N, C-alpha and C. Protein backbone atom coordinates (compact mmCIF):
# COMPACT_ATOMS: atom_id res chain seq x y z
N UNK A 1 0.85 -1.18 0.00
CA UNK A 1 0.00 0.00 0.00
C UNK A 1 0.89 1.23 0.00
N UNK A 2 0.61 2.17 -0.89
CA UNK A 2 1.33 3.42 -1.00
C UNK A 2 0.50 4.49 -0.28
N UNK A 3 1.14 5.25 0.60
CA UNK A 3 0.45 6.33 1.29
C UNK A 3 1.06 7.66 0.90
N UNK A 4 0.21 8.60 0.55
CA UNK A 4 0.65 9.96 0.24
C UNK A 4 -0.10 10.93 1.13
N UNK A 5 0.63 11.95 1.58
CA UNK A 5 0.04 13.03 2.37
C UNK A 5 -0.06 14.22 1.41
N UNK A 6 -1.27 14.71 1.18
CA UNK A 6 -1.48 15.77 0.21
C UNK A 6 -1.90 17.04 0.96
N UNK A 7 -1.05 18.08 0.87
CA UNK A 7 -1.35 19.38 1.46
C UNK A 7 -2.10 20.18 0.41
N UNK A 8 -3.24 20.75 0.79
CA UNK A 8 -4.13 21.36 -0.19
C UNK A 8 -4.47 22.80 0.20
N UNK A 9 -4.33 23.71 -0.77
CA UNK A 9 -4.79 25.09 -0.61
C UNK A 9 -6.10 25.21 -1.37
N UNK A 10 -7.08 25.85 -0.72
CA UNK A 10 -8.42 25.93 -1.31
C UNK A 10 -8.97 27.35 -1.23
N UNK A 11 -10.13 27.54 -1.82
CA UNK A 11 -10.92 28.75 -1.60
C UNK A 11 -11.36 28.70 -0.14
N UNK A 12 -10.95 29.67 0.64
CA UNK A 12 -11.19 29.64 2.08
C UNK A 12 -12.67 29.62 2.43
N UNK A 13 -13.50 30.24 1.65
CA UNK A 13 -14.93 30.32 1.96
C UNK A 13 -15.68 29.02 1.67
N UNK A 14 -14.98 28.02 1.09
CA UNK A 14 -15.66 26.77 0.72
C UNK A 14 -14.97 25.53 1.29
N UNK A 15 -14.17 25.69 2.33
CA UNK A 15 -13.38 24.57 2.87
C UNK A 15 -14.25 23.35 3.20
N UNK A 16 -15.35 23.48 3.93
CA UNK A 16 -16.14 22.27 4.25
C UNK A 16 -16.63 21.51 3.02
N UNK A 17 -17.14 22.23 2.03
CA UNK A 17 -17.65 21.58 0.82
C UNK A 17 -16.53 20.91 0.03
N UNK A 18 -15.41 21.57 -0.06
CA UNK A 18 -14.26 21.01 -0.78
C UNK A 18 -13.74 19.78 -0.06
N UNK A 19 -13.65 19.85 1.26
CA UNK A 19 -13.18 18.71 2.06
C UNK A 19 -14.09 17.50 1.87
N UNK A 20 -15.39 17.72 1.87
CA UNK A 20 -16.34 16.62 1.68
C UNK A 20 -16.22 16.01 0.29
N UNK A 21 -16.02 16.85 -0.71
CA UNK A 21 -15.88 16.35 -2.09
C UNK A 21 -14.61 15.51 -2.22
N UNK A 22 -13.52 15.96 -1.60
CA UNK A 22 -12.26 15.21 -1.65
C UNK A 22 -12.38 13.90 -0.88
N UNK A 23 -13.01 13.94 0.29
CA UNK A 23 -13.17 12.74 1.11
C UNK A 23 -13.99 11.66 0.40
N UNK A 24 -14.84 12.06 -0.52
CA UNK A 24 -15.69 11.11 -1.25
C UNK A 24 -14.95 10.42 -2.40
N UNK A 25 -13.76 10.87 -2.73
CA UNK A 25 -13.02 10.30 -3.86
C UNK A 25 -12.41 8.95 -3.52
N UNK A 26 -12.45 8.02 -4.47
CA UNK A 26 -11.78 6.73 -4.29
C UNK A 26 -10.29 6.97 -4.10
N UNK A 27 -9.70 6.29 -3.12
CA UNK A 27 -8.28 6.42 -2.84
C UNK A 27 -7.98 7.38 -1.72
N UNK A 28 -8.94 8.24 -1.37
CA UNK A 28 -8.75 9.19 -0.27
C UNK A 28 -9.32 8.56 0.99
N UNK A 29 -8.46 8.36 2.00
CA UNK A 29 -8.94 7.71 3.22
C UNK A 29 -9.37 8.70 4.29
N UNK A 30 -8.74 9.88 4.34
CA UNK A 30 -9.07 10.86 5.36
C UNK A 30 -8.78 12.25 4.83
N UNK A 31 -9.54 13.23 5.33
CA UNK A 31 -9.29 14.64 5.02
C UNK A 31 -9.41 15.41 6.32
N UNK A 32 -8.43 16.29 6.58
CA UNK A 32 -8.42 17.11 7.79
C UNK A 32 -8.38 18.58 7.40
N UNK A 33 -9.16 19.42 8.07
CA UNK A 33 -8.97 20.86 7.94
C UNK A 33 -7.93 21.24 8.99
N UNK A 34 -6.99 22.10 8.60
CA UNK A 34 -5.84 22.39 9.47
C UNK A 34 -5.53 23.89 9.48
N UNK A 35 -4.71 24.27 10.44
CA UNK A 35 -4.21 25.64 10.48
C UNK A 35 -2.88 25.68 9.73
N UNK A 36 -2.43 26.88 9.43
CA UNK A 36 -1.12 27.03 8.79
C UNK A 36 -1.25 27.42 7.33
N UNK A 37 -0.21 27.12 6.58
CA UNK A 37 -0.12 27.55 5.18
C UNK A 37 -1.09 26.83 4.26
N UNK A 38 -1.59 25.67 4.68
CA UNK A 38 -2.53 24.89 3.87
C UNK A 38 -3.87 24.84 4.57
N UNK A 39 -4.91 24.57 3.81
CA UNK A 39 -6.26 24.53 4.36
C UNK A 39 -6.72 23.12 4.72
N UNK A 40 -6.28 22.15 3.91
CA UNK A 40 -6.68 20.75 4.12
C UNK A 40 -5.47 19.84 3.98
N UNK A 41 -5.53 18.70 4.65
CA UNK A 41 -4.56 17.63 4.44
C UNK A 41 -5.36 16.37 4.15
N UNK A 42 -5.03 15.71 3.04
CA UNK A 42 -5.71 14.47 2.66
C UNK A 42 -4.70 13.33 2.72
N UNK A 43 -5.13 12.19 3.24
CA UNK A 43 -4.33 10.98 3.20
C UNK A 43 -4.86 10.13 2.06
N UNK A 44 -3.96 9.80 1.15
CA UNK A 44 -4.31 9.00 -0.02
C UNK A 44 -3.62 7.66 0.11
N UNK A 45 -4.37 6.59 -0.03
CA UNK A 45 -3.81 5.24 0.05
C UNK A 45 -4.21 4.48 -1.21
N UNK A 46 -3.19 4.03 -1.94
CA UNK A 46 -3.43 3.31 -3.21
C UNK A 46 -2.52 2.10 -3.28
N UNK A 47 -2.81 1.22 -4.22
CA UNK A 47 -2.03 -0.02 -4.35
C UNK A 47 -0.72 0.20 -5.11
N UNK A 48 -0.70 1.10 -6.08
CA UNK A 48 0.48 1.29 -6.93
C UNK A 48 0.81 2.77 -7.08
N UNK A 49 2.07 3.08 -7.31
CA UNK A 49 2.49 4.47 -7.50
C UNK A 49 1.72 5.14 -8.64
N UNK A 50 1.50 4.42 -9.71
CA UNK A 50 0.77 4.99 -10.85
C UNK A 50 -0.63 5.45 -10.46
N UNK A 51 -1.22 4.81 -9.45
CA UNK A 51 -2.56 5.19 -9.01
C UNK A 51 -2.57 6.58 -8.39
N UNK A 52 -1.43 7.04 -7.87
CA UNK A 52 -1.35 8.38 -7.29
C UNK A 52 -1.70 9.43 -8.34
N UNK A 53 -1.27 9.22 -9.57
CA UNK A 53 -1.57 10.18 -10.64
C UNK A 53 -3.06 10.25 -10.91
N UNK A 54 -3.75 9.13 -10.80
CA UNK A 54 -5.19 9.13 -11.01
C UNK A 54 -5.90 9.90 -9.90
N UNK A 55 -5.44 9.73 -8.66
CA UNK A 55 -6.14 10.32 -7.52
C UNK A 55 -5.77 11.79 -7.33
N UNK A 56 -4.48 12.12 -7.34
CA UNK A 56 -4.08 13.48 -6.96
C UNK A 56 -4.28 14.48 -8.10
N UNK A 57 -3.49 14.44 -9.17
CA UNK A 57 -3.78 15.42 -10.24
C UNK A 57 -5.05 15.07 -11.02
N UNK A 58 -5.40 13.79 -11.05
CA UNK A 58 -6.57 13.37 -11.83
C UNK A 58 -7.90 13.67 -11.19
N UNK A 59 -7.96 13.67 -9.84
CA UNK A 59 -9.24 13.90 -9.16
C UNK A 59 -9.19 15.05 -8.15
N UNK A 60 -8.25 14.99 -7.20
CA UNK A 60 -8.20 16.02 -6.15
C UNK A 60 -8.01 17.40 -6.75
N UNK A 61 -7.04 17.54 -7.64
CA UNK A 61 -6.75 18.86 -8.22
C UNK A 61 -7.88 19.41 -9.07
N UNK A 62 -8.79 18.53 -9.49
CA UNK A 62 -9.91 18.96 -10.33
C UNK A 62 -11.17 19.29 -9.55
N UNK A 63 -11.13 19.11 -8.23
CA UNK A 63 -12.28 19.48 -7.41
C UNK A 63 -12.40 21.01 -7.44
N UNK A 64 -13.57 21.54 -7.79
CA UNK A 64 -13.73 23.00 -7.82
C UNK A 64 -13.38 23.62 -6.47
N UNK A 65 -12.52 24.63 -6.51
CA UNK A 65 -12.08 25.31 -5.29
C UNK A 65 -10.70 24.92 -4.84
N UNK A 66 -10.16 23.81 -5.35
CA UNK A 66 -8.78 23.42 -5.03
C UNK A 66 -7.86 24.32 -5.85
N UNK A 67 -7.00 25.05 -5.16
CA UNK A 67 -6.10 25.99 -5.81
C UNK A 67 -4.70 25.42 -6.04
N UNK A 68 -4.21 24.60 -5.11
CA UNK A 68 -2.87 24.02 -5.25
C UNK A 68 -2.74 22.82 -4.33
N UNK A 69 -1.86 21.89 -4.72
CA UNK A 69 -1.56 20.73 -3.87
C UNK A 69 -0.06 20.57 -3.76
N UNK A 70 0.36 19.97 -2.66
CA UNK A 70 1.75 19.59 -2.45
C UNK A 70 1.72 18.18 -1.87
N UNK A 71 2.40 17.25 -2.51
CA UNK A 71 2.29 15.85 -2.14
C UNK A 71 3.59 15.33 -1.54
N UNK A 72 3.44 14.59 -0.44
CA UNK A 72 4.55 13.91 0.21
C UNK A 72 4.23 12.42 0.23
N UNK A 73 5.13 11.60 -0.30
CA UNK A 73 4.92 10.15 -0.33
C UNK A 73 5.67 9.54 0.83
N UNK A 74 4.99 8.70 1.59
CA UNK A 74 5.62 8.11 2.77
C UNK A 74 6.51 6.93 2.38
N UNK A 75 7.62 6.81 3.10
CA UNK A 75 8.51 5.66 2.93
C UNK A 75 8.11 4.52 3.85
N UNK A 76 7.85 4.85 5.10
CA UNK A 76 7.51 3.87 6.13
C UNK A 76 6.43 4.43 7.02
N UNK A 77 5.69 3.53 7.64
CA UNK A 77 4.67 3.93 8.60
C UNK A 77 5.10 3.47 9.98
N UNK A 78 5.04 4.38 10.92
CA UNK A 78 5.32 4.06 12.32
C UNK A 78 4.05 4.34 13.10
N UNK A 79 3.48 3.31 13.65
CA UNK A 79 2.28 3.51 14.47
C UNK A 79 2.64 3.24 15.92
N UNK A 80 1.74 3.60 16.82
CA UNK A 80 1.97 3.35 18.24
C UNK A 80 2.20 1.86 18.48
N UNK A 81 1.47 1.02 17.78
CA UNK A 81 1.63 -0.42 17.90
C UNK A 81 3.04 -0.84 17.51
N UNK A 82 3.55 -0.33 16.41
CA UNK A 82 4.91 -0.66 15.96
C UNK A 82 5.95 -0.19 16.96
N UNK A 83 5.77 0.99 17.55
CA UNK A 83 6.73 1.52 18.51
C UNK A 83 6.75 0.68 19.77
N UNK A 84 5.59 0.25 20.23
CA UNK A 84 5.54 -0.60 21.42
C UNK A 84 6.28 -1.92 21.18
N UNK A 85 6.11 -2.49 20.01
CA UNK A 85 6.79 -3.74 19.68
C UNK A 85 8.30 -3.54 19.62
N UNK A 86 8.74 -2.42 19.06
CA UNK A 86 10.17 -2.15 18.95
C UNK A 86 10.82 -1.99 20.32
N UNK A 87 10.16 -1.31 21.25
CA UNK A 87 10.73 -1.08 22.56
C UNK A 87 10.63 -2.31 23.44
N UNK A 88 9.81 -3.27 23.09
CA UNK A 88 9.65 -4.48 23.89
C UNK A 88 10.66 -5.57 23.51
N UNK A 89 11.44 -5.36 22.48
CA UNK A 89 12.41 -6.37 22.04
C UNK A 89 13.43 -6.61 23.15
N UNK A 90 13.61 -7.86 23.48
CA UNK A 90 14.61 -8.24 24.47
C UNK A 90 14.12 -8.19 25.90
N UNK A 91 12.90 -7.76 26.13
CA UNK A 91 12.39 -7.73 27.48
C UNK A 91 11.69 -9.05 27.80
N UNK A 92 11.97 -9.55 28.98
CA UNK A 92 11.31 -10.78 29.42
C UNK A 92 9.95 -10.44 30.00
N UNK A 93 8.98 -11.26 29.70
CA UNK A 93 7.63 -11.00 30.24
C UNK A 93 7.45 -11.70 31.54
């Protein structure tokens, strides 16, 4: 599974509607409204790198009100579960 974090700048007066439209797209697992330089952050999860092109420039960028995107592709995922397992190595129960 390929995960991409997409930072999105939008028309500020339409953030809720734009967020809902993006969240409804196939491949988008979550959308957050945030503070800072960007208005929304979307998590995109797809099976293949080529699928990112379909979802991000092919769908997200075409949602009315989306002004710009910046995409970061994850190398590895670290979850709380993974961290607990890593710190438990070598400990006797």
